Amino acid sequence: MEAPEEARAGGLGLGRSLLLVIRHARAGDSSEWEGDDRLRPLDKRGRRQAEALVESLFAIARILSSPYDRCVQTVEPLAAARGLPIDSREELGEDRQARDGAALARSLAGEDVAICVHGGLSDAAFGERQKKGETLVVDDDGCVVQRIRG
């Protein structure tokens, strides 16, 4: 069953599919983390930002994420609330995002998909900077039509 037009477009009245580009929520200061950076978790504020994604009015069919813990943790509450699995994608990791991740993100424009990424991917894919915990709403044409602060 397809979501009503308003829900599919997040109340924007566009009646089209929208890609949600979610920059991972706050994960503290990387200079203070002593372990493998891929395993750096969300901090308290980041967990609140992740929980806030559940309140999104956007209908999504899939969730893709960088395999880094902070990205997966950002979309876990959303995935649980929507009953969707998280598809961990290596090309969305920090080391591959500029080329492979950006290409993947651009290819998803026009689908009802949420992707969780690191800083820099939105610049490479859509020419837009993105803050931690911020969601960019991208239309079928690959244009950012809305910013949602976490």
N, C-alpha and C. Protein backbone atom coordinates (compact mmCIF):
# COMPACT_ATOMS: atom_id res chain seq x y z
N MET A 1 0.84 -1.19 0.00
CA MET A 1 0.00 0.00 0.00
C MET A 1 0.88 1.24 0.00
N GLU A 2 0.61 2.14 -0.88
CA GLU A 2 1.41 3.36 -0.99
C GLU A 2 0.91 4.41 -0.01
N ALA A 3 1.88 5.16 0.56
CA ALA A 3 1.52 6.21 1.52
C ALA A 3 0.78 7.34 0.81
N PRO A 4 -0.11 8.03 1.53
CA PRO A 4 -0.78 9.18 0.92
C PRO A 4 0.24 10.21 0.47
N GLU A 5 -0.15 11.01 -0.50
CA GLU A 5 0.74 12.01 -1.06
C GLU A 5 1.42 12.87 -0.01
N GLU A 6 0.67 13.40 0.93
CA GLU A 6 1.25 14.29 1.95
C GLU A 6 2.28 13.56 2.79
N ALA A 7 2.03 12.29 3.13
CA ALA A 7 2.98 11.54 3.95
C ALA A 7 4.23 11.21 3.15
N ARG A 8 4.06 10.85 1.88
CA ARG A 8 5.21 10.51 1.06
C ARG A 8 6.14 11.70 0.90
N ALA A 9 5.59 12.85 0.80
CA ALA A 9 6.41 14.04 0.61
C ALA A 9 6.60 14.80 1.92
N GLY A 10 6.36 14.13 3.03
CA GLY A 10 6.61 14.75 4.32
C GLY A 10 5.81 16.01 4.55
N GLY A 11 4.63 16.09 3.96
CA GLY A 11 3.81 17.28 4.15
C GLY A 11 4.24 18.44 3.27
N LEU A 12 5.19 18.20 2.36
CA LEU A 12 5.65 19.27 1.49
C LEU A 12 4.71 19.50 0.31
N GLY A 13 3.76 18.59 0.13
CA GLY A 13 2.81 18.75 -0.96
C GLY A 13 3.42 18.48 -2.32
N LEU A 14 4.53 17.75 -2.35
CA LEU A 14 5.20 17.49 -3.63
C LEU A 14 4.64 16.27 -4.34
N GLY A 15 4.11 15.30 -3.58
CA GLY A 15 3.54 14.11 -4.19
C GLY A 15 4.55 13.25 -4.89
N ARG A 16 5.83 13.37 -4.50
CA ARG A 16 6.87 12.56 -5.13
C ARG A 16 7.66 11.85 -4.05
N SER A 17 8.51 10.94 -4.49
CA SER A 17 9.39 10.24 -3.57
C SER A 17 10.50 11.18 -3.13
N LEU A 18 10.95 10.99 -1.89
CA LEU A 18 12.00 11.85 -1.35
C LEU A 18 13.07 11.02 -0.67
N LEU A 19 14.31 11.33 -0.97
CA LEU A 19 15.47 10.72 -0.34
C LEU A 19 15.81 11.54 0.89
N LEU A 20 15.98 10.88 2.04
CA LEU A 20 16.38 11.55 3.26
C LEU A 20 17.86 11.26 3.50
N VAL A 21 18.68 12.29 3.49
CA VAL A 21 20.12 12.15 3.74
C VAL A 21 20.36 12.62 5.17
N ILE A 22 20.61 11.67 6.06
CA ILE A 22 20.75 11.95 7.48
C ILE A 22 22.24 11.92 7.84
N ARG A 23 22.75 13.04 8.32
CA ARG A 23 24.12 13.00 8.83
C ARG A 23 24.05 12.45 10.24
N HIS A 24 24.95 11.54 10.56
CA HIS A 24 24.88 10.87 11.87
C HIS A 24 24.77 11.88 13.00
N ALA A 25 24.10 11.46 14.05
CA ALA A 25 23.90 12.30 15.23
C ALA A 25 25.23 12.48 15.96
N ARG A 26 25.21 13.34 16.95
CA ARG A 26 26.43 13.70 17.69
C ARG A 26 27.04 12.48 18.37
N ALA A 27 28.35 12.34 18.21
CA ALA A 27 29.08 11.20 18.76
C ALA A 27 30.29 11.66 19.56
N GLY A 28 30.17 12.81 20.21
CA GLY A 28 31.27 13.31 21.01
C GLY A 28 32.43 13.79 20.16
N ASP A 29 33.56 13.99 20.79
CA ASP A 29 34.76 14.52 20.13
C ASP A 29 35.67 13.36 19.73
N SER A 30 35.96 13.24 18.45
CA SER A 30 36.80 12.13 17.98
C SER A 30 38.19 12.16 18.60
N SER A 31 38.68 13.34 18.98
CA SER A 31 40.01 13.41 19.58
C SER A 31 40.03 12.83 21.00
N GLU A 32 38.87 12.69 21.60
CA GLU A 32 38.78 12.10 22.94
C GLU A 32 38.49 10.61 22.90
N TRP A 33 38.23 10.06 21.73
CA TRP A 33 37.94 8.63 21.58
C TRP A 33 39.24 7.91 21.31
N GLU A 34 39.55 6.90 22.10
CA GLU A 34 40.83 6.20 21.98
C GLU A 34 40.77 4.95 21.13
N GLY A 35 39.60 4.42 20.85
CA GLY A 35 39.48 3.19 20.09
C GLY A 35 39.35 3.42 18.60
N ASP A 36 38.98 2.36 17.91
CA ASP A 36 38.72 2.40 16.47
C ASP A 36 37.57 3.38 16.22
N ASP A 37 37.79 4.37 15.37
CA ASP A 37 36.79 5.40 15.14
C ASP A 37 35.50 4.83 14.56
N ARG A 38 35.58 3.69 13.88
CA ARG A 38 34.37 3.05 13.35
C ARG A 38 33.43 2.63 14.47
N LEU A 39 33.96 2.49 15.69
CA LEU A 39 33.18 2.01 16.83
C LEU A 39 32.75 3.13 17.77
N ARG A 40 33.07 4.38 17.43
CA ARG A 40 32.71 5.50 18.31
C ARG A 40 31.18 5.64 18.35
N PRO A 41 30.59 5.56 19.55
CA PRO A 41 29.13 5.58 19.68
C PRO A 41 28.56 7.00 19.78
N LEU A 42 27.26 7.08 19.70
CA LEU A 42 26.58 8.34 19.93
C LEU A 42 26.72 8.73 21.40
N ASP A 43 26.76 10.02 21.65
CA ASP A 43 26.75 10.49 23.04
C ASP A 43 25.28 10.73 23.43
N LYS A 44 25.06 11.27 24.64
CA LYS A 44 23.71 11.46 25.15
C LYS A 44 22.87 12.34 24.21
N ARG A 45 23.46 13.45 23.77
CA ARG A 45 22.73 14.35 22.85
C ARG A 45 22.43 13.63 21.53
N GLY A 46 23.39 12.86 21.05
CA GLY A 46 23.21 12.12 19.80
C GLY A 46 22.08 11.10 19.89
N ARG A 47 21.97 10.43 21.04
CA ARG A 47 20.87 9.48 21.23
C ARG A 47 19.52 10.19 21.19
N ARG A 48 19.45 11.41 21.76
CA ARG A 48 18.20 12.19 21.68
C ARG A 48 17.90 12.57 20.23
N GLN A 49 18.94 12.96 19.49
CA GLN A 49 18.74 13.31 18.07
C GLN A 49 18.22 12.10 17.30
N ALA A 50 18.77 10.92 17.58
CA ALA A 50 18.34 9.70 16.89
C ALA A 50 16.88 9.39 17.21
N GLU A 51 16.50 9.53 18.46
CA GLU A 51 15.11 9.29 18.85
C GLU A 51 14.16 10.26 18.16
N ALA A 52 14.61 11.49 17.94
CA ALA A 52 13.76 12.50 17.30
C ALA A 52 13.43 12.13 15.85
N LEU A 53 14.26 11.33 15.20
CA LEU A 53 13.97 10.92 13.82
C LEU A 53 12.69 10.11 13.72
N VAL A 54 12.33 9.44 14.80
CA VAL A 54 11.12 8.61 14.80
C VAL A 54 9.88 9.45 14.55
N GLU A 55 9.92 10.71 14.94
CA GLU A 55 8.77 11.61 14.80
C GLU A 55 8.59 12.11 13.37
N SER A 56 9.52 11.77 12.50
CA SER A 56 9.44 12.20 11.10
C SER A 56 8.13 11.74 10.46
N LEU A 57 7.54 12.62 9.65
CA LEU A 57 6.31 12.28 8.94
C LEU A 57 6.58 11.60 7.61
N PHE A 58 7.83 11.43 7.27
CA PHE A 58 8.19 10.90 5.97
C PHE A 58 7.97 9.39 5.90
N ALA A 59 7.39 8.94 4.82
CA ALA A 59 7.24 7.52 4.55
C ALA A 59 8.51 7.04 3.86
N ILE A 60 9.12 6.00 4.39
CA ILE A 60 10.32 5.45 3.77
C ILE A 60 10.14 3.94 3.60
N ALA A 61 10.77 3.42 2.56
CA ALA A 61 10.67 2.00 2.27
C ALA A 61 11.95 1.26 2.65
N ARG A 62 13.07 1.98 2.73
CA ARG A 62 14.36 1.35 3.04
C ARG A 62 15.20 2.31 3.86
N ILE A 63 16.16 1.72 4.60
CA ILE A 63 17.14 2.50 5.35
C ILE A 63 18.51 1.92 5.05
N LEU A 64 19.41 2.78 4.56
CA LEU A 64 20.79 2.41 4.31
C LEU A 64 21.67 3.22 5.25
N SER A 65 22.82 2.66 5.64
CA SER A 65 23.68 3.36 6.58
C SER A 65 25.14 3.02 6.34
N SER A 66 26.00 3.97 6.67
CA SER A 66 27.43 3.68 6.81
C SER A 66 27.53 2.59 7.87
N PRO A 67 28.52 1.71 7.76
CA PRO A 67 28.67 0.67 8.78
C PRO A 67 29.22 1.18 10.12
N TYR A 68 29.65 2.43 10.18
CA TYR A 68 30.18 2.98 11.43
C TYR A 68 29.09 2.98 12.49
N ASP A 69 29.45 2.61 13.72
CA ASP A 69 28.48 2.49 14.80
C ASP A 69 27.62 3.73 14.97
N ARG A 70 28.22 4.92 14.91
CA ARG A 70 27.44 6.14 15.15
C ARG A 70 26.37 6.36 14.09
N CYS A 71 26.61 5.91 12.87
CA CYS A 71 25.58 6.02 11.83
C CYS A 71 24.47 4.99 12.05
N VAL A 72 24.85 3.75 12.31
CA VAL A 72 23.85 2.71 12.55
C VAL A 72 23.00 3.09 13.76
N GLN A 73 23.64 3.55 14.85
CA GLN A 73 22.90 3.94 16.06
C GLN A 73 21.95 5.10 15.79
N THR A 74 22.31 5.98 14.86
CA THR A 74 21.45 7.12 14.53
C THR A 74 20.12 6.66 13.94
N VAL A 75 20.14 5.64 13.10
CA VAL A 75 18.90 5.21 12.44
C VAL A 75 18.23 4.00 13.09
N GLU A 76 18.83 3.44 14.13
CA GLU A 76 18.20 2.29 14.80
C GLU A 76 16.80 2.60 15.34
N PRO A 77 16.58 3.73 16.03
CA PRO A 77 15.21 4.00 16.50
C PRO A 77 14.21 4.15 15.35
N LEU A 78 14.63 4.78 14.27
CA LEU A 78 13.75 4.95 13.10
C LEU A 78 13.43 3.59 12.49
N ALA A 79 14.45 2.74 12.34
CA ALA A 79 14.24 1.41 11.78
C ALA A 79 13.29 0.59 12.65
N ALA A 80 13.48 0.66 13.96
CA ALA A 80 12.62 -0.09 14.87
C ALA A 80 11.17 0.40 14.78
N ALA A 81 10.99 1.71 14.74
CA ALA A 81 9.64 2.29 14.68
C ALA A 81 8.94 1.95 13.37
N ARG A 82 9.69 1.86 12.28
CA ARG A 82 9.10 1.59 10.96
C ARG A 82 9.09 0.10 10.62
N GLY A 83 9.74 -0.73 11.44
CA GLY A 83 9.81 -2.16 11.16
C GLY A 83 10.67 -2.47 9.94
N LEU A 84 11.72 -1.69 9.74
CA LEU A 84 12.60 -1.86 8.58
C LEU A 84 14.00 -2.30 9.02
N PRO A 85 14.65 -3.14 8.21
CA PRO A 85 16.04 -3.48 8.50
C PRO A 85 16.96 -2.33 8.09
N ILE A 86 18.15 -2.31 8.64
CA ILE A 86 19.17 -1.33 8.25
C ILE A 86 20.15 -2.05 7.33
N ASP A 87 20.29 -1.54 6.12
CA ASP A 87 21.22 -2.10 5.14
C ASP A 87 22.55 -1.36 5.28
N SER A 88 23.54 -2.01 5.89
CA SER A 88 24.86 -1.40 6.10
C SER A 88 25.63 -1.45 4.79
N ARG A 89 26.11 -0.28 4.33
CA ARG A 89 26.77 -0.18 3.02
C ARG A 89 28.16 0.41 3.18
N GLU A 90 29.17 -0.34 2.80
CA GLU A 90 30.57 0.10 2.91
C GLU A 90 30.84 1.39 2.14
N GLU A 91 30.16 1.57 1.01
CA GLU A 91 30.41 2.77 0.21
C GLU A 91 29.95 4.05 0.92
N LEU A 92 29.17 3.93 1.99
CA LEU A 92 28.76 5.10 2.76
C LEU A 92 29.71 5.39 3.92
N GLY A 93 30.73 4.55 4.12
CA GLY A 93 31.74 4.78 5.14
C GLY A 93 32.62 5.97 4.78
N GLU A 94 33.30 6.51 5.77
CA GLU A 94 34.10 7.73 5.56
C GLU A 94 35.14 7.59 4.45
N ASP A 95 35.75 6.42 4.33
CA ASP A 95 36.83 6.25 3.35
C ASP A 95 36.35 6.14 1.91
N ARG A 96 35.08 5.80 1.69
CA ARG A 96 34.57 5.63 0.33
C ARG A 96 33.44 6.59 -0.03
N GLN A 97 33.02 7.43 0.90
CA GLN A 97 31.82 8.23 0.67
C GLN A 97 31.95 9.27 -0.43
N ALA A 98 33.12 9.86 -0.58
CA ALA A 98 33.27 10.97 -1.55
C ALA A 98 32.96 10.53 -2.97
N ARG A 99 33.36 9.33 -3.34
CA ARG A 99 33.11 8.86 -4.71
C ARG A 99 31.97 7.84 -4.74
N ASP A 100 32.18 6.70 -4.09
CA ASP A 100 31.20 5.62 -4.16
C ASP A 100 29.91 5.95 -3.43
N GLY A 101 30.02 6.56 -2.26
CA GLY A 101 28.83 6.92 -1.49
C GLY A 101 28.01 7.99 -2.17
N ALA A 102 28.70 8.98 -2.73
CA ALA A 102 28.00 10.06 -3.44
C ALA A 102 27.26 9.51 -4.65
N ALA A 103 27.89 8.59 -5.37
CA ALA A 103 27.23 7.98 -6.53
C ALA A 103 26.00 7.18 -6.10
N LEU A 104 26.12 6.44 -5.01
CA LEU A 104 24.98 5.68 -4.49
C LEU A 104 23.86 6.64 -4.09
N ALA A 105 24.19 7.69 -3.36
CA ALA A 105 23.18 8.66 -2.90
C ALA A 105 22.45 9.27 -4.09
N ARG A 106 23.20 9.70 -5.11
CA ARG A 106 22.56 10.30 -6.29
C ARG A 106 21.64 9.29 -6.99
N SER A 107 22.04 8.01 -7.00
CA SER A 107 21.23 6.99 -7.66
C SER A 107 19.92 6.73 -6.92
N LEU A 108 19.86 7.09 -5.64
CA LEU A 108 18.67 6.85 -4.83
C LEU A 108 17.65 7.98 -4.91
N ALA A 109 18.01 9.12 -5.50
CA ALA A 109 17.05 10.21 -5.66
C ALA A 109 15.86 9.67 -6.44
N GLY A 110 14.67 9.94 -5.94
CA GLY A 110 13.47 9.42 -6.58
C GLY A 110 12.93 8.18 -5.88
N GLU A 111 13.61 7.74 -4.81
CA GLU A 111 13.13 6.60 -4.01
C GLU A 111 12.82 7.09 -2.60
N ASP A 112 11.91 6.40 -1.93
CA ASP A 112 11.59 6.71 -0.54
C ASP A 112 12.58 5.98 0.37
N VAL A 113 13.76 6.55 0.50
CA VAL A 113 14.87 5.91 1.21
C VAL A 113 15.50 6.91 2.17
N ALA A 114 15.92 6.41 3.33
CA ALA A 114 16.73 7.20 4.26
C ALA A 114 18.13 6.61 4.25
N ILE A 115 19.14 7.49 4.16
CA ILE A 115 20.52 7.03 4.26
C ILE A 115 21.21 7.82 5.37
N CYS A 116 22.03 7.13 6.15
CA CYS A 116 22.76 7.79 7.22
C CYS A 116 24.24 7.81 6.85
N VAL A 117 24.81 9.01 6.87
CA VAL A 117 26.14 9.24 6.31
C VAL A 117 26.99 10.10 7.23
N HIS A 118 28.20 10.35 6.78
CA HIS A 118 29.15 11.21 7.48
C HIS A 118 29.19 12.57 6.79
N GLY A 119 29.79 13.55 7.47
CA GLY A 119 29.99 14.86 6.88
C GLY A 119 30.81 14.74 5.60
N GLY A 120 30.42 15.47 4.60
CA GLY A 120 31.14 15.46 3.33
C GLY A 120 30.37 14.80 2.20
N LEU A 121 29.56 13.81 2.52
CA LEU A 121 28.84 13.12 1.45
C LEU A 121 27.83 14.05 0.79
N SER A 122 27.11 14.83 1.58
CA SER A 122 26.11 15.72 0.98
C SER A 122 26.75 16.77 0.10
N ASP A 123 27.97 17.21 0.47
CA ASP A 123 28.72 18.14 -0.39
C ASP A 123 29.02 17.48 -1.74
N ALA A 124 29.55 16.27 -1.67
CA ALA A 124 29.96 15.56 -2.89
C ALA A 124 28.77 15.18 -3.76
N ALA A 125 27.67 14.76 -3.15
CA ALA A 125 26.52 14.28 -3.92
C ALA A 125 25.58 15.38 -4.38
N PHE A 126 25.35 16.38 -3.50
CA PHE A 126 24.31 17.37 -3.79
C PHE A 126 24.76 18.82 -3.66
N GLY A 127 26.05 19.05 -3.38
CA GLY A 127 26.58 20.40 -3.28
C GLY A 127 26.08 21.17 -2.07
N GLU A 128 25.71 20.47 -1.00
CA GLU A 128 25.16 21.10 0.20
C GLU A 128 25.90 20.60 1.44
N ARG A 129 26.35 21.53 2.28
CA ARG A 129 26.95 21.15 3.57
C ARG A 129 25.86 20.71 4.52
N GLN A 130 26.25 19.85 5.45
CA GLN A 130 25.27 19.30 6.37
C GLN A 130 25.87 19.23 7.77
N LYS A 131 25.10 19.65 8.77
CA LYS A 131 25.54 19.61 10.16
C LYS A 131 25.22 18.26 10.78
N LYS A 132 25.93 17.92 11.87
CA LYS A 132 25.65 16.67 12.57
C LYS A 132 24.20 16.65 13.02
N GLY A 133 23.55 15.50 12.77
CA GLY A 133 22.16 15.34 13.17
C GLY A 133 21.16 15.99 12.24
N GLU A 134 21.63 16.62 11.18
CA GLU A 134 20.73 17.29 10.24
C GLU A 134 20.30 16.32 9.14
N THR A 135 19.06 16.46 8.69
CA THR A 135 18.53 15.67 7.59
C THR A 135 18.26 16.58 6.41
N LEU A 136 18.74 16.18 5.25
CA LEU A 136 18.43 16.88 4.00
C LEU A 136 17.36 16.07 3.27
N VAL A 137 16.35 16.75 2.78
CA VAL A 137 15.30 16.12 2.00
C VAL A 137 15.62 16.43 0.54
N VAL A 138 15.81 15.37 -0.25
CA VAL A 138 16.23 15.49 -1.65
C VAL A 138 15.12 14.97 -2.55
N ASP A 139 14.75 15.77 -3.54
CA ASP A 139 13.67 15.37 -4.44
C ASP A 139 14.17 14.48 -5.58
N ASP A 140 13.24 14.11 -6.47
CA ASP A 140 13.54 13.22 -7.60
C ASP A 140 14.66 13.75 -8.49
N ASP A 141 14.79 15.07 -8.55
CA ASP A 141 15.77 15.69 -9.43
C ASP A 141 17.14 15.87 -8.75
N GLY A 142 17.27 15.40 -7.50
CA GLY A 142 18.54 15.55 -6.78
C GLY A 142 18.73 16.91 -6.16
N CYS A 143 17.64 17.65 -5.97
CA CYS A 143 17.70 18.99 -5.36
C CYS A 143 17.28 18.92 -3.90
N VAL A 144 18.03 19.60 -3.04
CA VAL A 144 17.66 19.68 -1.63
C VAL A 144 16.47 20.62 -1.52
N VAL A 145 15.35 20.11 -1.00
CA VAL A 145 14.13 20.91 -0.89
C VAL A 145 13.80 21.29 0.54
N GLN A 146 14.47 20.67 1.51
CA GLN A 146 14.22 21.00 2.91
C GLN A 146 15.39 20.53 3.75
N ARG A 147 15.63 21.27 4.86
CA ARG A 147 16.63 20.89 5.87
C ARG A 147 15.90 20.72 7.18
N ILE A 148 16.20 19.63 7.88
CA ILE A 148 15.58 19.38 9.18
C ILE A 148 16.71 19.23 10.20
N ARG A 149 16.75 20.15 11.16
CA ARG A 149 17.78 20.11 12.20
C ARG A 149 17.40 19.09 13.26
N GLY A 150 18.40 18.31 13.69
CA GLY A 150 18.18 17.30 14.74
C GLY A 150 18.35 17.83 16.11
